[in-house]
Amino acid sequence: MEKRLWEFIDGHCSEEEKTIIHQQLAENPVWSSKYNDLKQVHDMLQKEELEMPSLRFMKNVMEEIAQYQVAPATKNYINKNVIRGISAFFLTMIAGLFIYFVGQVHWSSQSTGTFVPAYSLDANKLNWGKLLNNSYVNIFIGISAILGLILVDKYLQAKKNKTLPEH
């Protein structure tokens, strides 16, 4: 009822609805009472003039905000040491694998005087078991695992220190 009366007061209803509402207002005292209340509110709102903020309003607000020191958002959730550790770990992995595979290629000199690898990277000719099952690979994987565990330990320790209250 209230929604229909507001639409009637604002003039947003069709002619059919207007006739139905006029009929309800004439016959139903609840509708006419509610209509009078809403009409009074509408008239008061129409008489009131909207307050305009002062011309310095935005400047005053910005000056008030400038008093507070706002920390950069990225400091809250990005630890640069963690990013550096992860980067160093992956760069070490990539460099180690590259050095290992270059070391496994047997270089030979041909009559042209250029150096070309004796291996081709054809899956049928290259023995991956030989390349990945020797002590150098095992040492590299072991060192990488230890560095990864140290990185995780440092991260968890830093996180623990942040949550403990300072004395």
N, C-alpha and C. Protein backbone atom coordinates (compact mmCIF):
# COMPACT_ATOMS: atom_id res chain seq x y z
N MET A 1 0.83 -1.18 0.00
CA MET A 1 0.00 0.00 0.00
C MET A 1 0.88 1.25 0.00
N GLU A 2 1.88 1.28 0.88
CA GLU A 2 2.72 2.46 0.99
C GLU A 2 3.50 2.72 -0.31
N LYS A 3 3.97 1.65 -0.92
CA LYS A 3 4.71 1.80 -2.17
C LYS A 3 3.80 2.38 -3.26
N ARG A 4 2.61 1.86 -3.33
CA ARG A 4 1.66 2.35 -4.35
C ARG A 4 1.29 3.82 -4.09
N LEU A 5 1.15 4.18 -2.81
CA LEU A 5 0.82 5.58 -2.49
C LEU A 5 1.98 6.51 -2.84
N TRP A 6 3.22 6.09 -2.59
CA TRP A 6 4.36 6.92 -2.96
C TRP A 6 4.42 7.11 -4.47
N GLU A 7 4.16 6.04 -5.21
CA GLU A 7 4.16 6.17 -6.67
C GLU A 7 3.05 7.13 -7.12
N PHE A 8 1.90 7.09 -6.46
CA PHE A 8 0.79 7.98 -6.77
C PHE A 8 1.16 9.43 -6.47
N ILE A 9 1.79 9.66 -5.31
CA ILE A 9 2.17 11.02 -4.92
C ILE A 9 3.24 11.57 -5.86
N ASP A 10 4.19 10.73 -6.24
CA ASP A 10 5.26 11.17 -7.14
C ASP A 10 4.81 11.27 -8.59
N GLY A 11 3.65 10.71 -8.92
CA GLY A 11 3.14 10.77 -10.28
C GLY A 11 3.75 9.73 -11.20
N HIS A 12 4.17 8.61 -10.65
CA HIS A 12 4.81 7.55 -11.44
C HIS A 12 3.89 6.36 -11.70
N CYS A 13 2.59 6.55 -11.59
CA CYS A 13 1.69 5.41 -11.82
C CYS A 13 0.81 5.68 -13.05
N SER A 14 0.26 4.61 -13.59
CA SER A 14 -0.56 4.73 -14.80
C SER A 14 -1.96 5.26 -14.44
N GLU A 15 -2.75 5.56 -15.46
CA GLU A 15 -4.11 6.08 -15.26
C GLU A 15 -4.99 5.05 -14.56
N GLU A 16 -4.81 3.79 -14.91
CA GLU A 16 -5.59 2.72 -14.26
C GLU A 16 -5.31 2.69 -12.76
N GLU A 17 -4.03 2.74 -12.42
CA GLU A 17 -3.64 2.72 -11.01
C GLU A 17 -4.16 3.96 -10.29
N LYS A 18 -4.14 5.10 -10.96
CA LYS A 18 -4.65 6.33 -10.34
C LYS A 18 -6.13 6.19 -9.98
N THR A 19 -6.89 5.63 -10.88
CA THR A 19 -8.33 5.48 -10.58
C THR A 19 -8.55 4.49 -9.44
N ILE A 20 -7.75 3.41 -9.41
CA ILE A 20 -7.88 2.43 -8.33
C ILE A 20 -7.51 3.07 -6.99
N ILE A 21 -6.45 3.86 -6.98
CA ILE A 21 -6.01 4.50 -5.73
C ILE A 21 -7.02 5.56 -5.29
N HIS A 22 -7.60 6.33 -6.24
CA HIS A 22 -8.64 7.30 -5.88
C HIS A 22 -9.82 6.57 -5.25
N GLN A 23 -10.16 5.45 -5.79
CA GLN A 23 -11.28 4.66 -5.26
C GLN A 23 -10.93 4.16 -3.85
N GLN A 24 -9.73 3.68 -3.65
CA GLN A 24 -9.32 3.20 -2.32
C GLN A 24 -9.30 4.34 -1.31
N LEU A 25 -8.86 5.52 -1.74
CA LEU A 25 -8.81 6.68 -0.84
C LEU A 25 -10.21 7.11 -0.42
N ALA A 26 -11.16 7.01 -1.33
CA ALA A 26 -12.53 7.41 -1.02
C ALA A 26 -13.23 6.39 -0.12
N GLU A 27 -12.93 5.10 -0.31
CA GLU A 27 -13.65 4.04 0.41
C GLU A 27 -12.95 3.57 1.69
N ASN A 28 -11.64 3.58 1.72
CA ASN A 28 -10.89 2.96 2.81
C ASN A 28 -10.25 4.04 3.69
N PRO A 29 -10.63 4.12 4.98
CA PRO A 29 -10.04 5.15 5.86
C PRO A 29 -8.55 4.90 6.16
N VAL A 30 -8.11 3.65 6.15
CA VAL A 30 -6.70 3.35 6.39
C VAL A 30 -5.86 3.92 5.26
N TRP A 31 -6.33 3.75 4.04
CA TRP A 31 -5.61 4.28 2.88
C TRP A 31 -5.57 5.81 2.94
N SER A 32 -6.69 6.44 3.24
CA SER A 32 -6.71 7.91 3.26
C SER A 32 -5.84 8.45 4.39
N SER A 33 -5.81 7.78 5.54
CA SER A 33 -4.96 8.21 6.64
C SER A 33 -3.48 8.10 6.25
N LYS A 34 -3.12 6.99 5.67
CA LYS A 34 -1.73 6.79 5.24
C LYS A 34 -1.36 7.80 4.14
N TYR A 35 -2.30 8.05 3.23
CA TYR A 35 -2.05 9.01 2.16
C TYR A 35 -1.78 10.40 2.72
N ASN A 36 -2.59 10.82 3.72
CA ASN A 36 -2.39 12.15 4.33
C ASN A 36 -1.01 12.23 5.00
N ASP A 37 -0.61 11.17 5.72
CA ASP A 37 0.71 11.16 6.36
C ASP A 37 1.83 11.28 5.32
N LEU A 38 1.74 10.47 4.29
CA LEU A 38 2.78 10.49 3.26
C LEU A 38 2.80 11.80 2.49
N LYS A 39 1.63 12.37 2.29
CA LYS A 39 1.54 13.65 1.58
C LYS A 39 2.20 14.76 2.41
N GLN A 40 2.02 14.73 3.74
CA GLN A 40 2.66 15.71 4.60
C GLN A 40 4.19 15.58 4.54
N VAL A 41 4.68 14.33 4.57
CA VAL A 41 6.12 14.11 4.47
C VAL A 41 6.64 14.62 3.13
N HIS A 42 5.90 14.33 2.07
CA HIS A 42 6.29 14.78 0.73
C HIS A 42 6.34 16.30 0.65
N ASP A 43 5.34 16.96 1.21
CA ASP A 43 5.31 18.42 1.18
C ASP A 43 6.47 19.02 1.98
N MET A 44 6.78 18.41 3.14
CA MET A 44 7.92 18.91 3.94
C MET A 44 9.23 18.75 3.18
N LEU A 45 9.38 17.64 2.50
CA LEU A 45 10.61 17.42 1.73
C LEU A 45 10.71 18.41 0.57
N GLN A 46 9.60 18.75 -0.03
CA GLN A 46 9.61 19.69 -1.14
C GLN A 46 9.95 21.11 -0.66
N LYS A 47 9.52 21.46 0.57
CA LYS A 47 9.77 22.80 1.09
C LYS A 47 11.22 22.97 1.52
N GLU A 48 11.84 21.89 2.02
CA GLU A 48 13.22 21.97 2.51
C GLU A 48 14.18 22.20 1.37
N GLU A 49 15.10 23.07 1.61
CA GLU A 49 16.14 23.32 0.62
C GLU A 49 17.36 22.48 1.02
N LEU A 50 17.97 21.83 0.04
CA LEU A 50 19.12 21.00 0.33
C LEU A 50 20.30 21.87 0.72
N GLU A 51 21.01 21.39 1.75
CA GLU A 51 22.20 22.12 2.18
C GLU A 51 23.34 21.84 1.22
N MET A 52 24.01 22.88 0.86
CA MET A 52 25.18 22.73 0.00
C MET A 52 26.41 22.78 0.89
N PRO A 53 27.34 21.87 0.68
CA PRO A 53 28.57 21.94 1.48
C PRO A 53 29.38 23.18 1.11
N SER A 54 30.19 23.60 2.04
CA SER A 54 31.00 24.79 1.77
C SER A 54 31.98 24.49 0.64
N LEU A 55 32.49 25.55 0.07
CA LEU A 55 33.41 25.38 -1.05
C LEU A 55 34.72 24.74 -0.61
N ARG A 56 35.06 24.88 0.65
CA ARG A 56 36.29 24.29 1.16
C ARG A 56 36.07 22.91 1.74
N PHE A 57 34.90 22.35 1.59
CA PHE A 57 34.59 21.07 2.22
C PHE A 57 35.59 19.99 1.83
N MET A 58 35.81 19.81 0.54
CA MET A 58 36.73 18.77 0.08
C MET A 58 38.15 19.04 0.58
N LYS A 59 38.56 20.28 0.54
CA LYS A 59 39.90 20.62 1.01
C LYS A 59 40.03 20.35 2.50
N ASN A 60 38.99 20.66 3.28
CA ASN A 60 39.02 20.39 4.72
C ASN A 60 39.12 18.89 4.99
N VAL A 61 38.38 18.11 4.25
CA VAL A 61 38.42 16.65 4.43
C VAL A 61 39.81 16.12 4.08
N MET A 62 40.37 16.58 2.98
CA MET A 62 41.69 16.11 2.58
C MET A 62 42.77 16.54 3.57
N GLU A 63 42.65 17.73 4.14
CA GLU A 63 43.61 18.16 5.15
C GLU A 63 43.50 17.32 6.41
N GLU A 64 42.28 16.94 6.77
CA GLU A 64 42.08 16.08 7.94
C GLU A 64 42.68 14.70 7.72
N ILE A 65 42.52 14.15 6.54
CA ILE A 65 43.08 12.84 6.21
C ILE A 65 44.61 12.91 6.18
N ALA A 66 45.14 14.00 5.71
CA ALA A 66 46.60 14.14 5.58
C ALA A 66 47.29 14.13 6.94
N GLN A 67 46.56 14.41 8.02
CA GLN A 67 47.15 14.39 9.35
C GLN A 67 47.55 12.99 9.77
N TYR A 68 46.87 12.01 9.24
CA TYR A 68 47.16 10.62 9.60
C TYR A 68 48.21 10.06 8.65
N GLN A 69 49.14 9.31 9.20
CA GLN A 69 50.18 8.72 8.37
C GLN A 69 49.68 7.36 7.90
N VAL A 70 49.48 7.24 6.61
CA VAL A 70 48.95 6.02 6.03
C VAL A 70 50.11 5.18 5.53
N ALA A 71 50.17 3.93 6.00
CA ALA A 71 51.24 3.03 5.56
C ALA A 71 50.90 2.47 4.19
N PRO A 72 51.91 2.25 3.36
CA PRO A 72 51.64 1.64 2.07
C PRO A 72 51.02 0.25 2.24
N ALA A 73 50.09 -0.06 1.39
CA ALA A 73 49.36 -1.32 1.53
C ALA A 73 50.25 -2.54 1.33
N THR A 74 51.24 -2.45 0.46
CA THR A 74 52.05 -3.64 0.18
C THR A 74 52.91 -4.04 1.35
N LYS A 75 53.25 -3.12 2.24
CA LYS A 75 54.06 -3.48 3.40
C LYS A 75 53.32 -4.45 4.31
N ASN A 76 52.00 -4.41 4.26
CA ASN A 76 51.22 -5.26 5.15
C ASN A 76 51.25 -6.72 4.76
N TYR A 77 51.33 -7.04 3.53
CA TYR A 77 51.18 -8.43 3.14
C TYR A 77 52.29 -8.99 2.26
N ILE A 78 53.29 -8.21 1.92
CA ILE A 78 54.40 -8.73 1.11
C ILE A 78 55.69 -8.57 1.89
N ASN A 79 56.34 -9.69 2.17
CA ASN A 79 57.63 -9.66 2.83
C ASN A 79 58.69 -9.82 1.74
N LYS A 80 59.52 -8.81 1.58
CA LYS A 80 60.50 -8.81 0.49
C LYS A 80 61.52 -9.94 0.65
N ASN A 81 61.84 -10.30 1.89
CA ASN A 81 62.81 -11.38 2.09
C ASN A 81 62.27 -12.72 1.62
N VAL A 82 60.98 -12.95 1.77
CA VAL A 82 60.38 -14.18 1.28
C VAL A 82 60.46 -14.22 -0.24
N ILE A 83 60.15 -13.11 -0.89
CA ILE A 83 60.22 -13.05 -2.35
C ILE A 83 61.66 -13.27 -2.81
N ARG A 84 62.62 -12.65 -2.14
CA ARG A 84 64.03 -12.84 -2.50
C ARG A 84 64.46 -14.29 -2.32
N GLY A 85 64.02 -14.92 -1.22
CA GLY A 85 64.37 -16.31 -0.96
C GLY A 85 63.81 -17.25 -2.01
N ILE A 86 62.56 -17.04 -2.37
CA ILE A 86 61.94 -17.88 -3.41
C ILE A 86 62.65 -17.67 -4.74
N SER A 87 62.96 -16.43 -5.06
CA SER A 87 63.67 -16.14 -6.32
C SER A 87 65.04 -16.80 -6.33
N ALA A 88 65.76 -16.68 -5.23
CA ALA A 88 67.09 -17.29 -5.16
C ALA A 88 67.01 -18.81 -5.29
N PHE A 89 66.02 -19.41 -4.66
CA PHE A 89 65.85 -20.85 -4.73
C PHE A 89 65.62 -21.30 -6.18
N PHE A 90 64.71 -20.64 -6.87
CA PHE A 90 64.42 -21.05 -8.25
C PHE A 90 65.58 -20.73 -9.20
N LEU A 91 66.24 -19.62 -9.00
CA LEU A 91 67.40 -19.32 -9.85
C LEU A 91 68.52 -20.32 -9.63
N THR A 92 68.71 -20.74 -8.37
CA THR A 92 69.72 -21.76 -8.09
C THR A 92 69.35 -23.07 -8.75
N MET A 93 68.09 -23.43 -8.70
CA MET A 93 67.62 -24.67 -9.34
C MET A 93 67.87 -24.62 -10.85
N ILE A 94 67.49 -23.53 -11.47
CA ILE A 94 67.64 -23.40 -12.92
C ILE A 94 69.12 -23.40 -13.30
N ALA A 95 69.92 -22.63 -12.58
CA ALA A 95 71.35 -22.56 -12.90
C ALA A 95 72.01 -23.93 -12.68
N GLY A 96 71.67 -24.61 -11.61
CA GLY A 96 72.25 -25.92 -11.34
C GLY A 96 71.90 -26.94 -12.41
N LEU A 97 70.64 -26.97 -12.81
CA LEU A 97 70.24 -27.90 -13.87
C LEU A 97 70.91 -27.56 -15.20
N PHE A 98 71.02 -26.27 -15.50
CA PHE A 98 71.67 -25.88 -16.74
C PHE A 98 73.14 -26.30 -16.73
N ILE A 99 73.83 -26.03 -15.64
CA ILE A 99 75.25 -26.41 -15.55
C ILE A 99 75.40 -27.92 -15.63
N TYR A 100 74.52 -28.64 -14.98
CA TYR A 100 74.60 -30.10 -15.00
C TYR A 100 74.42 -30.65 -16.41
N PHE A 101 73.38 -30.18 -17.09
CA PHE A 101 73.13 -30.70 -18.44
C PHE A 101 74.23 -30.27 -19.43
N VAL A 102 74.76 -29.08 -19.28
CA VAL A 102 75.86 -28.68 -20.15
C VAL A 102 77.09 -29.54 -19.85
N GLY A 103 77.29 -29.88 -18.58
CA GLY A 103 78.41 -30.74 -18.21
C GLY A 103 78.27 -32.16 -18.70
N GLN A 104 77.05 -32.61 -18.95
CA GLN A 104 76.83 -33.97 -19.42
C GLN A 104 76.98 -34.12 -20.92
N VAL A 105 76.98 -33.02 -21.64
CA VAL A 105 77.12 -33.07 -23.09
C VAL A 105 78.61 -33.24 -23.41
N HIS A 106 78.94 -34.18 -24.27
CA HIS A 106 80.32 -34.42 -24.69
C HIS A 106 80.59 -33.62 -25.96
N TRP A 107 81.48 -32.67 -25.84
CA TRP A 107 81.79 -31.79 -26.96
C TRP A 107 82.88 -32.45 -27.81
N SER A 108 82.70 -32.38 -29.11
CA SER A 108 83.71 -32.96 -30.00
C SER A 108 84.01 -31.97 -31.12
N SER A 109 85.20 -32.01 -31.61
CA SER A 109 85.60 -31.12 -32.68
C SER A 109 85.48 -31.87 -34.00
N GLN A 110 84.80 -31.25 -34.93
CA GLN A 110 84.69 -31.86 -36.26
C GLN A 110 85.70 -31.21 -37.19
N SER A 111 85.71 -31.69 -38.40
CA SER A 111 86.67 -31.18 -39.38
C SER A 111 86.43 -29.71 -39.73
N THR A 112 85.22 -29.23 -39.46
CA THR A 112 84.93 -27.82 -39.78
C THR A 112 85.54 -26.88 -38.75
N GLY A 113 85.98 -27.43 -37.64
CA GLY A 113 86.60 -26.59 -36.61
C GLY A 113 85.59 -26.02 -35.63
N THR A 114 84.32 -26.39 -35.73
CA THR A 114 83.32 -25.89 -34.78
C THR A 114 83.04 -26.95 -33.73
N PHE A 115 82.60 -26.51 -32.60
CA PHE A 115 82.23 -27.45 -31.53
C PHE A 115 80.74 -27.71 -31.59
N VAL A 116 80.36 -28.97 -31.63
CA VAL A 116 78.95 -29.35 -31.62
C VAL A 116 78.80 -30.47 -30.61
N PRO A 117 77.68 -30.55 -29.95
CA PRO A 117 77.51 -31.62 -28.99
C PRO A 117 77.40 -32.97 -29.68
N ALA A 118 77.94 -33.99 -29.05
CA ALA A 118 77.85 -35.34 -29.59
C ALA A 118 76.46 -35.92 -29.33
N TYR A 119 75.72 -35.39 -28.37
CA TYR A 119 74.36 -35.87 -28.07
C TYR A 119 73.38 -35.09 -28.92
N SER A 120 72.29 -35.70 -29.20
CA SER A 120 71.12 -34.96 -29.66
C SER A 120 70.08 -35.16 -28.57
N LEU A 121 69.17 -34.27 -28.44
CA LEU A 121 68.17 -34.39 -27.38
C LEU A 121 66.98 -35.23 -27.81
N ASP A 122 67.21 -36.16 -28.70
CA ASP A 122 66.18 -37.09 -29.12
C ASP A 122 65.92 -38.05 -27.96
N ALA A 123 64.66 -38.27 -27.61
CA ALA A 123 64.31 -39.10 -26.45
C ALA A 123 64.78 -40.54 -26.63
N ASN A 124 64.88 -41.01 -27.86
CA ASN A 124 65.31 -42.39 -28.09
C ASN A 124 66.82 -42.55 -27.88
N LYS A 125 67.59 -41.54 -28.17
CA LYS A 125 69.04 -41.64 -28.08
C LYS A 125 69.58 -41.21 -26.72
N LEU A 126 68.89 -40.29 -26.03
CA LEU A 126 69.37 -39.74 -24.77
C LEU A 126 68.95 -40.63 -23.62
N ASN A 127 69.88 -41.03 -22.80
CA ASN A 127 69.61 -41.90 -21.66
C ASN A 127 69.35 -41.02 -20.43
N TRP A 128 68.07 -40.75 -20.15
CA TRP A 128 67.69 -39.89 -19.04
C TRP A 128 68.06 -40.53 -17.70
N GLY A 129 68.00 -41.83 -17.63
CA GLY A 129 68.37 -42.51 -16.39
C GLY A 129 69.82 -42.25 -16.03
N LYS A 130 70.69 -42.24 -17.01
CA LYS A 130 72.10 -41.96 -16.77
C LYS A 130 72.31 -40.50 -16.34
N LEU A 131 71.55 -39.60 -16.95
CA LEU A 131 71.70 -38.18 -16.64
C LEU A 131 71.21 -37.83 -15.24
N LEU A 132 70.13 -38.46 -14.81
CA LEU A 132 69.50 -38.08 -13.54
C LEU A 132 69.89 -38.98 -12.38
N ASN A 133 70.63 -40.05 -12.59
CA ASN A 133 70.98 -40.96 -11.51
C ASN A 133 72.48 -40.97 -11.26
N ASN A 134 73.02 -39.84 -10.86
CA ASN A 134 74.41 -39.85 -10.44
C ASN A 134 74.57 -38.95 -9.22
N SER A 135 75.73 -38.93 -8.66
CA SER A 135 75.95 -38.25 -7.38
C SER A 135 75.79 -36.73 -7.49
N TYR A 136 76.12 -36.13 -8.63
CA TYR A 136 75.98 -34.69 -8.78
C TYR A 136 74.52 -34.26 -8.67
N VAL A 137 73.65 -34.99 -9.32
CA VAL A 137 72.21 -34.66 -9.26
C VAL A 137 71.72 -34.85 -7.84
N ASN A 138 72.12 -35.94 -7.19
CA ASN A 138 71.67 -36.19 -5.83
C ASN A 138 72.16 -35.10 -4.88
N ILE A 139 73.40 -34.66 -5.05
CA ILE A 139 73.92 -33.58 -4.21
C ILE A 139 73.14 -32.29 -4.47
N PHE A 140 72.88 -31.98 -5.72
CA PHE A 140 72.14 -30.76 -6.07
C PHE A 140 70.73 -30.80 -5.50
N ILE A 141 70.04 -31.92 -5.62
CA ILE A 141 68.68 -32.04 -5.08
C ILE A 141 68.72 -31.93 -3.56
N GLY A 142 69.71 -32.55 -2.93
CA GLY A 142 69.83 -32.45 -1.48
C GLY A 142 70.05 -31.03 -1.01
N ILE A 143 70.96 -30.31 -1.67
CA ILE A 143 71.21 -28.91 -1.31
C ILE A 143 69.97 -28.06 -1.54
N SER A 144 69.28 -28.29 -2.64
CA SER A 144 68.05 -27.54 -2.92
C SER A 144 66.99 -27.81 -1.86
N ALA A 145 66.85 -29.06 -1.44
CA ALA A 145 65.88 -29.40 -0.40
C ALA A 145 66.24 -28.71 0.92
N ILE A 146 67.52 -28.72 1.27
CA ILE A 146 67.95 -28.07 2.51
C ILE A 146 67.70 -26.56 2.45
N LEU A 147 68.02 -25.94 1.31
CA LEU A 147 67.76 -24.50 1.15
C LEU A 147 66.27 -24.19 1.23
N GLY A 148 65.45 -25.06 0.64
CA GLY A 148 64.01 -24.88 0.71
C GLY A 148 63.50 -24.98 2.14
N LEU A 149 64.01 -25.94 2.90
CA LEU A 149 63.60 -26.09 4.30
C LEU A 149 64.06 -24.89 5.14
N ILE A 150 65.25 -24.39 4.86
CA ILE A 150 65.73 -23.19 5.57
C ILE A 150 64.82 -22.01 5.27
N LEU A 151 64.42 -21.87 4.01
CA LEU A 151 63.52 -20.78 3.62
C LEU A 151 62.19 -20.89 4.35
N VAL A 152 61.62 -22.07 4.41
CA VAL A 152 60.34 -22.27 5.11
C VAL A 152 60.52 -21.97 6.59
N ASP A 153 61.63 -22.42 7.20
CA ASP A 153 61.89 -22.16 8.61
C ASP A 153 61.99 -20.67 8.90
N LYS A 154 62.71 -19.94 8.05
CA LYS A 154 62.84 -18.49 8.23
C LYS A 154 61.48 -17.80 8.13
N TYR A 155 60.68 -18.23 7.17
CA TYR A 155 59.35 -17.64 6.99
C TYR A 155 58.48 -17.90 8.22
N LEU A 156 58.45 -19.13 8.69
CA LEU A 156 57.63 -19.47 9.85
C LEU A 156 58.14 -18.76 11.11
N GLN A 157 59.44 -18.63 11.26
CA GLN A 157 60.01 -17.93 12.41
C GLN A 157 59.62 -16.46 12.38
N ALA A 158 59.69 -15.84 11.22
CA ALA A 158 59.29 -14.43 11.09
C ALA A 158 57.81 -14.26 11.40
N LYS A 159 57.00 -15.17 10.95
CA LYS A 159 55.57 -15.12 11.20
C LYS A 159 55.29 -15.29 12.69
N LYS A 160 56.02 -16.19 13.35
CA LYS A 160 55.86 -16.43 14.78
C LYS A 160 56.27 -15.18 15.57
N ASN A 161 57.36 -14.53 15.17
CA ASN A 161 57.82 -13.33 15.86
C ASN A 161 56.84 -12.18 15.74
N LYS A 162 56.13 -12.11 14.63
CA LYS A 162 55.13 -11.05 14.46
C LYS A 162 53.94 -11.25 15.37
N THR A 163 53.53 -12.50 15.60
CA THR A 163 52.34 -12.77 16.41
C THR A 163 52.61 -12.70 17.90
N LEU A 164 53.88 -12.87 18.36
CA LEU A 164 54.21 -12.81 19.78
C LEU A 164 54.20 -11.35 20.24
N PRO A 165 53.63 -11.10 21.42
CA PRO A 165 53.67 -9.70 21.93
C PRO A 165 55.07 -9.34 22.35
N GLU A 166 55.43 -8.07 22.13
CA GLU A 166 56.75 -7.59 22.49
C GLU A 166 56.79 -7.29 23.98
N HIS A 167 57.92 -7.58 24.62
CA HIS A 167 58.06 -7.37 26.07
C HIS A 167 58.69 -6.04 26.34
